Amino acid sequence: VTVIEALGHEWGEGKETKAPTCTEAGEKTYTCTRCNATKTEAIEALGHAYSEEWTVDKEATCEEAGSKS
């Protein structure tokens, strides 16, 4: 009896199956080109990208404070 070694999976490039958001991880799925088995990997959450510019929500007056965010 001669042993024939297993071929191993041949993973393709993968496809983003769930897009990441600022706070939640996404998911990328890979499919074996030989047997169609699948595996998934997490895509790291993007994190927040805050603007350095402010928006004036309420203008200040002579007697009342304003606000910006």
C-alpha atoms as a PDB file:
ATOM      1  CA  VAL A   1       0.000   0.000   0.000  1.00  0.00           C
ATOM      2  CA  THR A   2       1.353   3.415  -0.991  1.00  0.00           C
ATOM      3  CA  VAL A   3       0.226   6.469   0.953  1.00  0.00           C
ATOM      4  CA  ILE A   4      -0.959   9.434  -1.099  1.00  0.00           C
ATOM      5  CA  GLU A   5      -0.566  12.635   0.906  1.00  0.00           C
ATOM      6  CA  ALA A   6      -3.607  14.849   1.446  1.00  0.00           C
ATOM      7  CA  LEU A   7      -3.621  17.833  -0.899  1.00  0.00           C
ATOM      8  CA  GLY A   8      -4.616  20.398   1.708  1.00  0.00           C
ATOM      9  CA  HIS A   9      -7.054  23.214   1.106  1.00  0.00           C
ATOM     10  CA  GLU A  10      -6.435  25.772  -1.631  1.00  0.00           C
ATOM     11  CA  TRP A  11      -8.112  28.902  -0.241  1.00  0.00           C
ATOM     12  CA  GLY A  12      -9.187  31.534  -2.751  1.00  0.00           C
ATOM     13  CA  GLU A  13      -8.827  35.289  -2.179  1.00  0.00           C
ATOM     14  CA  GLY A  14     -11.893  35.420   0.039  1.00  0.00           C
ATOM     15  CA  LYS A  15     -14.959  37.621  -0.086  1.00  0.00           C
ATOM     16  CA  GLU A  16     -16.177  40.196   2.433  1.00  0.00           C
ATOM     17  CA  THR A  17     -19.445  38.699   3.691  1.00  0.00           C
ATOM     18  CA  LYS A  18     -20.092  41.258   6.452  1.00  0.00           C
ATOM     19  CA  ALA A  19     -18.707  44.789   6.270  1.00  0.00           C
ATOM     20  CA  PRO A  20     -17.047  46.144   9.428  1.00  0.00           C
ATOM     21  CA  THR A  21     -18.474  49.259  11.085  1.00  0.00           C
ATOM     22  CA  CYS A  22     -16.995  51.736  13.546  1.00  0.00           C
ATOM     23  CA  THR A  23     -17.863  49.481  16.485  1.00  0.00           C
ATOM     24  CA  GLU A  24     -18.440  45.964  15.087  1.00  0.00           C
ATOM     25  CA  ALA A  25     -16.053  43.577  13.361  1.00  0.00           C
ATOM     26  CA  GLY A  26     -16.856  42.373   9.858  1.00  0.00           C
ATOM     27  CA  GLU A  27     -16.286  38.959   8.320  1.00  0.00           C
ATOM     28  CA  LYS A  28     -14.399  37.567   5.316  1.00  0.00           C
ATOM     29  CA  THR A  29     -15.231  34.101   3.967  1.00  0.00           C
ATOM     30  CA  TYR A  30     -12.774  31.920   2.058  1.00  0.00           C
ATOM     31  CA  THR A  31     -13.771  28.933  -0.107  1.00  0.00           C
ATOM     32  CA  CYS A  32     -11.483  26.016  -0.995  1.00  0.00           C
ATOM     33  CA  THR A  33     -11.135  25.743  -4.777  1.00  0.00           C
ATOM     34  CA  ARG A  34     -10.775  21.947  -4.477  1.00  0.00           C
ATOM     35  CA  CYS A  35     -13.649  20.881  -2.207  1.00  0.00           C
ATOM     36  CA  ASN A  36     -15.756  24.028  -1.549  1.00  0.00           C
ATOM     37  CA  ALA A  37     -15.099  23.918   2.220  1.00  0.00           C
ATOM     38  CA  THR A  38     -15.334  27.373   3.802  1.00  0.00           C
ATOM     39  CA  LYS A  39     -13.597  29.236   6.603  1.00  0.00           C
ATOM     40  CA  THR A  40     -14.226  32.708   7.992  1.00  0.00           C
ATOM     41  CA  GLU A  41     -11.952  35.358   9.468  1.00  0.00           C
ATOM     42  CA  ALA A  42     -12.859  38.505  11.370  1.00  0.00           C
ATOM     43  CA  ILE A  43     -12.211  41.918   9.820  1.00  0.00           C
ATOM     44  CA  GLU A  44     -11.269  44.381  12.560  1.00  0.00           C
ATOM     45  CA  ALA A  45     -13.792  47.115  13.425  1.00  0.00           C
ATOM     46  CA  LEU A  46     -12.872  50.424  11.762  1.00  0.00           C
ATOM     47  CA  GLY A  47     -13.028  52.610  14.874  1.00  0.00           C
ATOM     48  CA  HIS A  48     -14.397  56.136  14.938  1.00  0.00           C
ATOM     49  CA  ALA A  49     -12.958  58.856  12.676  1.00  0.00           C
ATOM     50  CA  TYR A  50     -13.832  62.120  14.380  1.00  0.00           C
ATOM     51  CA  SER A  51     -13.776  65.359  12.439  1.00  0.00           C
ATOM     52  CA  GLU A  52     -11.549  68.113  13.773  1.00  0.00           C
ATOM     53  CA  GLU A  53     -14.140  70.733  12.818  1.00  0.00           C
ATOM     54  CA  TRP A  54     -16.985  71.776  15.106  1.00  0.00           C
ATOM     55  CA  THR A  55     -20.613  72.386  14.210  1.00  0.00           C
ATOM     56  CA  VAL A  56     -22.311  75.231  16.074  1.00  0.00           C
ATOM     57  CA  ASP A  57     -25.567  73.829  17.455  1.00  0.00           C
ATOM     58  CA  LYS A  58     -26.678  77.032  19.196  1.00  0.00           C
ATOM     59  CA  GLU A  59     -25.153  80.470  18.704  1.00  0.00           C
ATOM     60  CA  ALA A  60     -24.089  82.307  21.858  1.00  0.00           C
ATOM     61  CA  THR A  61     -25.898  85.549  22.647  1.00  0.00           C
ATOM     62  CA  CYS A  62     -25.043  88.399  24.997  1.00  0.00           C
ATOM     63  CA  GLU A  63     -26.843  86.617  27.836  1.00  0.00           C
ATOM     64  CA  GLU A  64     -26.896  82.894  26.927  1.00  0.00           C
ATOM     65  CA  ALA A  65     -24.120  80.440  26.240  1.00  0.00           C
ATOM     66  CA  GLY A  66     -24.101  78.621  22.932  1.00  0.00           C
ATOM     67  CA  SER A  67     -22.991  75.080  22.171  1.00  0.00           C
ATOM     68  CA  LYS A  68     -21.046  73.183  19.552  1.00  0.00           C
ATOM     69  CA  SER A  69     -20.420  69.512  18.882  1.00  0.00           C
END
